[in-house]
Amino acid sequence: MPISPEYVDEVENLIAIFESSIHIHDGCIEMTVVPDVDATECFVRTDLFIEIPDAYPKKPSRPSLRKVRGLTIEQQKSIQQSLDKTATDCAQYEMPAIFELFQCTRDILDKYNNTTVDCSICFETVPPENRCRTPCFHFFHKECLARFLYFWKTDPQDVDANIYQQARRVTQSREEALEYIRFSKAKAPVPCPVCRNEMTETDLPIVDWRHIPPYEEIDTDVRWNVEASKLTLSKTAIEQQRKRQQIFLHQHAKNALIEEANVTYH
């Protein structure tokens, strides 16, 4: 792209402000945006990706969101609309737009940072005071994540077939293999329930998961027959199913590569 003096000056100023947190390549600018709060209180984030056209700043830049965490689809649409309007307004007056787009994104993240989100385990709403966030920005009730940690550390059958076969090759029986897996899992890093990224002890919530009892076994003689039961869903439950179906279809289209999702809302 032809490089205008205005763009060169703007980039130099941005590098001075953001240093290594801004990435500039092939007419595109990318930076991670988080609310202006302490890291422990940060519950939303996004990467801001800006394409710079040849006639910039006379023509509007093209901002989009990537690797979004903690925001609903509606909130992402709202941010995208604000970014598009900011880019258009800056181009109308031939003003530098990149810092304005960053500030616009951060201001909205500040507003959304204390809103409630859904737990990725039970799918119920998580109020801010009971919210736990993993480093990969997935959200849970503290108790839900603690229970997951309990089962991960103590349930030897929650592994794939390859791991079980490896354990069988070095043990004499199925019981020994399960004990071998349990011992190995107790020492291994815990994966995020959503994306499977490894978490360290410092990433885990301050909840004593070691003393959380397992779920009670259900008597098979009185097990609920789902197929024979007639279910009546509330309007809220139906709406929640619709939203989750949208998320599933979006991730399915991206082959479930959470970190590679690149969504632009217009």
Protein backbone atom coordinates (compact mmCIF):
# COMPACT_ATOMS: atom_id res chain seq x y z
CA MET A 1 0.00 0.00 0.00
CA PRO A 2 1.21 3.58 -0.60
CA ILE A 3 2.42 4.99 2.72
CA SER A 4 1.24 8.49 3.53
CA PRO A 5 3.23 10.80 5.86
CA GLU A 6 0.21 10.93 8.16
CA TYR A 7 0.20 7.14 8.49
CA VAL A 8 3.95 7.05 9.20
CA ASP A 9 3.59 9.64 11.96
CA GLU A 10 0.61 7.81 13.42
CA VAL A 11 2.44 4.48 13.50
CA GLU A 12 5.48 6.04 15.20
CA ASN A 13 3.24 7.51 17.89
CA LEU A 14 1.43 4.19 18.37
CA ILE A 15 4.71 2.31 18.78
CA ALA A 16 5.82 4.85 21.37
CA ILE A 17 2.55 4.30 23.29
CA PHE A 18 2.01 0.54 22.97
CA GLU A 19 5.61 -0.65 22.35
CA SER A 20 5.68 -4.43 21.76
CA SER A 21 1.93 -4.94 22.32
CA ILE A 22 1.09 -3.59 18.85
CA HIS A 23 1.81 -5.60 15.70
CA ILE A 24 2.08 -3.92 12.30
CA HIS A 25 2.37 -5.93 9.10
CA ASP A 26 1.22 -5.75 5.45
CA GLY A 27 -1.03 -2.75 5.90
CA CYS A 28 -2.69 -4.23 8.99
CA ILE A 29 -2.49 -3.37 12.66
CA GLU A 30 -3.34 -5.75 15.48
CA MET A 31 -3.40 -5.23 19.23
CA THR A 32 -4.98 -6.84 22.27
CA VAL A 33 -7.46 -4.63 24.11
CA VAL A 34 -8.52 -5.16 27.73
CA PRO A 35 -10.43 -2.96 30.19
CA ASP A 36 -8.50 -0.36 32.14
CA VAL A 37 -8.58 -2.40 35.36
CA ASP A 38 -6.27 -4.60 37.43
CA ALA A 39 -5.48 -7.93 35.73
CA THR A 40 -7.32 -9.90 38.43
CA GLU A 41 -10.50 -7.92 37.71
CA CYS A 42 -10.32 -8.29 33.92
CA PHE A 43 -13.13 -10.49 32.59
CA VAL A 44 -13.35 -9.41 28.95
CA ARG A 45 -10.80 -8.96 26.17
CA THR A 46 -10.47 -8.90 22.40
CA ASP A 47 -7.88 -8.50 19.69
CA LEU A 48 -8.52 -5.44 17.55
CA PHE A 49 -7.56 -6.00 13.92
CA ILE A 50 -7.46 -2.94 11.62
CA GLU A 51 -6.96 -3.05 7.86
CA ILE A 52 -5.53 0.18 6.43
CA PRO A 53 -6.76 1.09 2.90
CA ASP A 54 -4.54 2.71 0.26
CA ALA A 55 -6.15 6.16 0.57
CA TYR A 56 -6.08 6.22 4.41
CA PRO A 57 -6.92 8.48 6.22
CA LYS A 58 -9.22 9.80 3.49
CA LYS A 59 -10.86 6.39 3.28
CA PRO A 60 -12.10 4.64 6.43
CA SER A 61 -10.04 1.84 7.93
CA ARG A 62 -11.68 -1.58 8.38
CA PRO A 63 -11.71 -2.66 12.04
CA SER A 64 -12.77 -6.11 13.24
CA LEU A 65 -12.66 -8.20 16.42
CA ARG A 66 -10.69 -11.42 16.91
CA LYS A 67 -10.15 -13.86 19.77
CA VAL A 68 -13.03 -12.36 21.75
CA ARG A 69 -13.50 -13.49 25.34
CA GLY A 70 -16.25 -12.78 27.86
CA LEU A 71 -18.58 -10.95 25.44
CA THR A 72 -21.95 -12.11 24.16
CA ILE A 73 -22.71 -12.09 20.45
CA GLU A 74 -24.93 -9.03 20.98
CA GLN A 75 -22.13 -7.19 22.76
CA GLN A 76 -19.69 -8.04 19.97
CA LYS A 77 -22.13 -6.67 17.41
CA SER A 78 -22.49 -3.49 19.45
CA ILE A 79 -18.71 -2.98 19.56
CA GLN A 80 -18.39 -3.63 15.83
CA GLN A 81 -21.07 -1.05 15.03
CA SER A 82 -19.31 1.54 17.20
CA LEU A 83 -15.97 0.78 15.52
CA ASP A 84 -17.44 1.12 12.03
CA LYS A 85 -18.98 4.47 12.95
CA THR A 86 -15.71 5.71 14.48
CA ALA A 87 -13.74 4.70 11.37
CA THR A 88 -16.25 6.45 9.10
CA ASP A 89 -16.30 9.63 11.21
CA CYS A 90 -12.48 9.83 11.23
CA ALA A 91 -12.30 9.38 7.46
CA GLN A 92 -14.88 12.11 6.94
CA TYR A 93 -12.51 14.61 8.56
CA GLU A 94 -9.34 12.83 7.31
CA MET A 95 -8.27 12.19 10.91
CA PRO A 96 -5.98 9.37 12.17
CA ALA A 97 -8.29 6.60 13.33
CA ILE A 98 -6.19 3.85 14.89
CA PHE A 99 -5.88 5.24 18.41
CA GLU A 100 -9.52 6.37 18.29
CA LEU A 101 -10.54 2.79 17.45
CA PHE A 102 -8.44 1.44 20.31
CA GLN A 103 -9.94 3.93 22.77
CA CYS A 104 -13.46 3.20 21.53
CA THR A 105 -12.93 -0.55 22.09
CA ARG A 106 -11.45 -0.06 25.55
CA ASP A 107 -14.25 2.27 26.66
CA ILE A 108 -16.88 -0.31 25.71
CA LEU A 109 -14.93 -3.13 27.37
CA ASP A 110 -14.83 -1.03 30.54
CA LYS A 111 -18.62 -0.91 30.42
CA TYR A 112 -19.05 -4.63 29.77
CA ASN A 113 -16.42 -5.85 32.21
CA ASN A 114 -18.82 -6.13 35.16
CA THR A 115 -21.72 -7.66 33.28
CA THR A 116 -22.74 -11.25 33.98
CA VAL A 117 -21.63 -14.15 31.79
CA ASP A 118 -22.69 -17.80 31.45
CA CYS A 119 -20.75 -20.59 33.12
CA SER A 120 -19.13 -22.83 30.49
CA ILE A 121 -19.94 -25.93 32.56
CA CYS A 122 -23.52 -25.54 33.78
CA PHE A 123 -24.53 -22.74 31.33
CA GLU A 124 -26.23 -20.78 34.11
CA THR A 125 -25.59 -17.07 34.66
CA VAL A 126 -22.51 -16.27 36.75
CA PRO A 127 -22.69 -13.09 38.87
CA PRO A 128 -19.42 -11.13 39.18
CA GLU A 129 -18.91 -12.07 42.83
CA ASN A 130 -18.94 -15.82 42.02
CA ARG A 131 -17.07 -15.67 38.73
CA CYS A 132 -13.84 -17.49 37.96
CA ARG A 133 -11.78 -16.84 34.82
CA THR A 134 -9.09 -19.07 33.36
CA PRO A 135 -6.02 -17.54 31.62
CA CYS A 136 -7.63 -18.45 28.29
CA PHE A 137 -10.61 -16.27 29.26
CA HIS A 138 -13.28 -18.90 29.82
CA PHE A 139 -15.71 -18.35 32.67
CA PHE A 140 -17.17 -20.58 35.36
CA HIS A 141 -18.83 -20.60 38.72
CA LYS A 142 -16.06 -21.15 41.25
CA GLU A 143 -17.85 -24.26 42.51
CA CYS A 144 -18.32 -25.67 38.99
CA LEU A 145 -14.66 -25.32 38.14
CA ALA A 146 -13.66 -26.70 41.54
CA ARG A 147 -15.81 -29.78 40.97
CA PHE A 148 -14.26 -30.23 37.53
CA LEU A 149 -10.82 -30.09 39.16
CA TYR A 150 -11.90 -32.75 41.65
CA PHE A 151 -13.02 -35.14 38.94
CA TRP A 152 -9.99 -34.44 36.76
CA LYS A 153 -7.64 -35.27 39.61
CA THR A 154 -9.54 -38.31 40.92
CA ASP A 155 -11.44 -39.95 38.03
CA PRO A 156 -9.08 -42.26 36.09
CA GLN A 157 -11.67 -43.06 33.44
CA ASP A 158 -11.85 -39.50 32.12
CA VAL A 159 -9.11 -40.15 29.54
CA ASP A 160 -9.01 -41.13 25.89
CA ALA A 161 -8.41 -44.69 24.71
CA ASN A 162 -4.76 -44.11 23.80
CA ILE A 163 -3.83 -43.10 27.35
CA TYR A 164 -5.64 -46.12 28.76
CA GLN A 165 -3.86 -48.46 26.34
CA GLN A 166 -0.50 -46.97 27.32
CA ALA A 167 -1.32 -47.58 30.98
CA ARG A 168 -2.34 -51.19 30.27
CA ARG A 169 1.01 -51.88 28.64
CA VAL A 170 2.89 -51.07 31.86
CA THR A 171 0.45 -52.65 34.33
CA GLN A 172 -0.93 -56.12 35.00
CA SER A 173 -4.66 -55.48 35.27
CA ARG A 174 -7.40 -52.96 34.54
CA GLU A 175 -7.49 -51.91 38.19
CA GLU A 176 -3.73 -51.27 38.19
CA ALA A 177 -4.05 -49.31 34.94
CA LEU A 178 -6.75 -47.05 36.42
CA GLU A 179 -4.66 -46.47 39.54
CA TYR A 180 -1.65 -45.67 37.34
CA ILE A 181 -3.73 -43.12 35.39
CA ARG A 182 -5.09 -41.60 38.60
CA PHE A 183 -1.58 -41.18 39.97
CA SER A 184 -0.36 -39.62 36.70
CA LYS A 185 -3.29 -37.20 36.47
CA ALA A 186 -2.79 -36.03 40.05
CA LYS A 187 0.65 -34.71 39.06
CA ALA A 188 -0.25 -33.43 35.58
CA PRO A 189 -1.45 -29.88 34.75
CA VAL A 190 -5.21 -29.47 34.66
CA PRO A 191 -6.68 -28.58 31.24
CA CYS A 192 -9.29 -25.88 30.72
CA PRO A 193 -12.70 -27.62 30.41
CA VAL A 194 -13.40 -25.66 27.20
CA CYS A 195 -10.21 -25.34 25.13
CA ARG A 196 -7.98 -27.86 26.97
CA ASN A 197 -5.14 -25.34 27.46
CA GLU A 198 -3.08 -26.36 30.46
CA MET A 199 -3.54 -24.44 33.71
CA THR A 200 -1.09 -24.13 36.58
CA GLU A 201 -1.91 -24.14 40.29
CA THR A 202 -1.80 -20.32 40.36
CA ASP A 203 -4.46 -20.22 37.61
CA LEU A 204 -6.99 -22.20 39.64
CA PRO A 205 -9.68 -20.68 41.86
CA ILE A 206 -9.15 -20.46 45.59
CA VAL A 207 -11.62 -23.26 46.33
CA ASP A 208 -10.63 -26.38 48.21
CA TRP A 209 -11.63 -28.87 45.51
CA ARG A 210 -9.94 -31.76 47.37
CA HIS A 211 -12.84 -31.98 49.82
CA ILE A 212 -15.70 -31.71 47.33
CA PRO A 213 -17.51 -35.07 47.32
CA PRO A 214 -18.43 -36.71 44.01
CA TYR A 215 -21.99 -36.73 42.73
CA GLU A 216 -24.16 -39.41 44.25
CA GLU A 217 -24.73 -42.52 42.16
CA ILE A 218 -28.21 -42.79 40.65
CA ASP A 219 -30.10 -45.99 41.32
CA THR A 220 -30.49 -47.65 37.92
CA ASP A 221 -33.93 -49.00 38.94
CA VAL A 222 -35.30 -45.47 39.33
CA ARG A 223 -33.23 -43.74 36.66
CA TRP A 224 -35.26 -41.09 34.86
CA ASN A 225 -36.44 -42.28 31.49
CA VAL A 226 -35.81 -39.20 29.34
CA GLU A 227 -37.36 -40.63 26.17
CA ALA A 228 -40.58 -41.56 27.93
CA SER A 229 -40.88 -38.20 29.69
CA LYS A 230 -42.68 -35.21 28.28
CA LEU A 231 -40.62 -32.06 28.63
CA THR A 232 -42.06 -28.56 28.50
CA LEU A 233 -39.36 -25.93 28.00
CA SER A 234 -39.84 -22.37 29.16
CA LYS A 235 -39.39 -19.46 26.76
CA THR A 236 -36.12 -18.64 28.52
CA ALA A 237 -34.80 -22.19 28.05
CA ILE A 238 -35.78 -22.18 24.37
CA GLU A 239 -33.98 -18.86 23.84
CA GLN A 240 -30.89 -20.17 25.61
CA GLN A 241 -30.91 -23.25 23.35
CA ARG A 242 -31.14 -21.01 20.29
CA LYS A 243 -28.14 -18.94 21.39
CA ARG A 244 -26.08 -22.03 22.18
CA GLN A 245 -26.95 -23.47 18.78
CA GLN A 246 -25.57 -20.30 17.16
CA ILE A 247 -22.33 -20.70 19.12
CA PHE A 248 -22.11 -24.38 18.18
CA LEU A 249 -22.67 -23.70 14.47
CA HIS A 250 -20.08 -20.91 14.53
CA GLN A 251 -17.46 -23.13 16.19
CA HIS A 252 -18.37 -26.07 13.93
CA ALA A 253 -17.75 -23.90 10.87
CA LYS A 254 -14.31 -23.06 12.29
CA ASN A 255 -13.56 -26.75 13.00
CA ALA A 256 -13.80 -25.94 16.73
CA LEU A 257 -10.54 -23.97 16.62
CA ILE A 258 -11.42 -21.50 19.32
CA GLU A 259 -8.27 -19.40 19.08
CA GLU A 260 -8.49 -19.21 15.29
CA ALA A 261 -11.98 -17.76 15.16
CA ASN A 262 -12.10 -14.57 13.16
CA VAL A 263 -15.54 -13.03 13.36
CA THR A 264 -16.58 -9.73 11.89
CA TYR A 265 -20.07 -8.39 12.52
CA HIS A 266 -21.59 -5.83 10.18
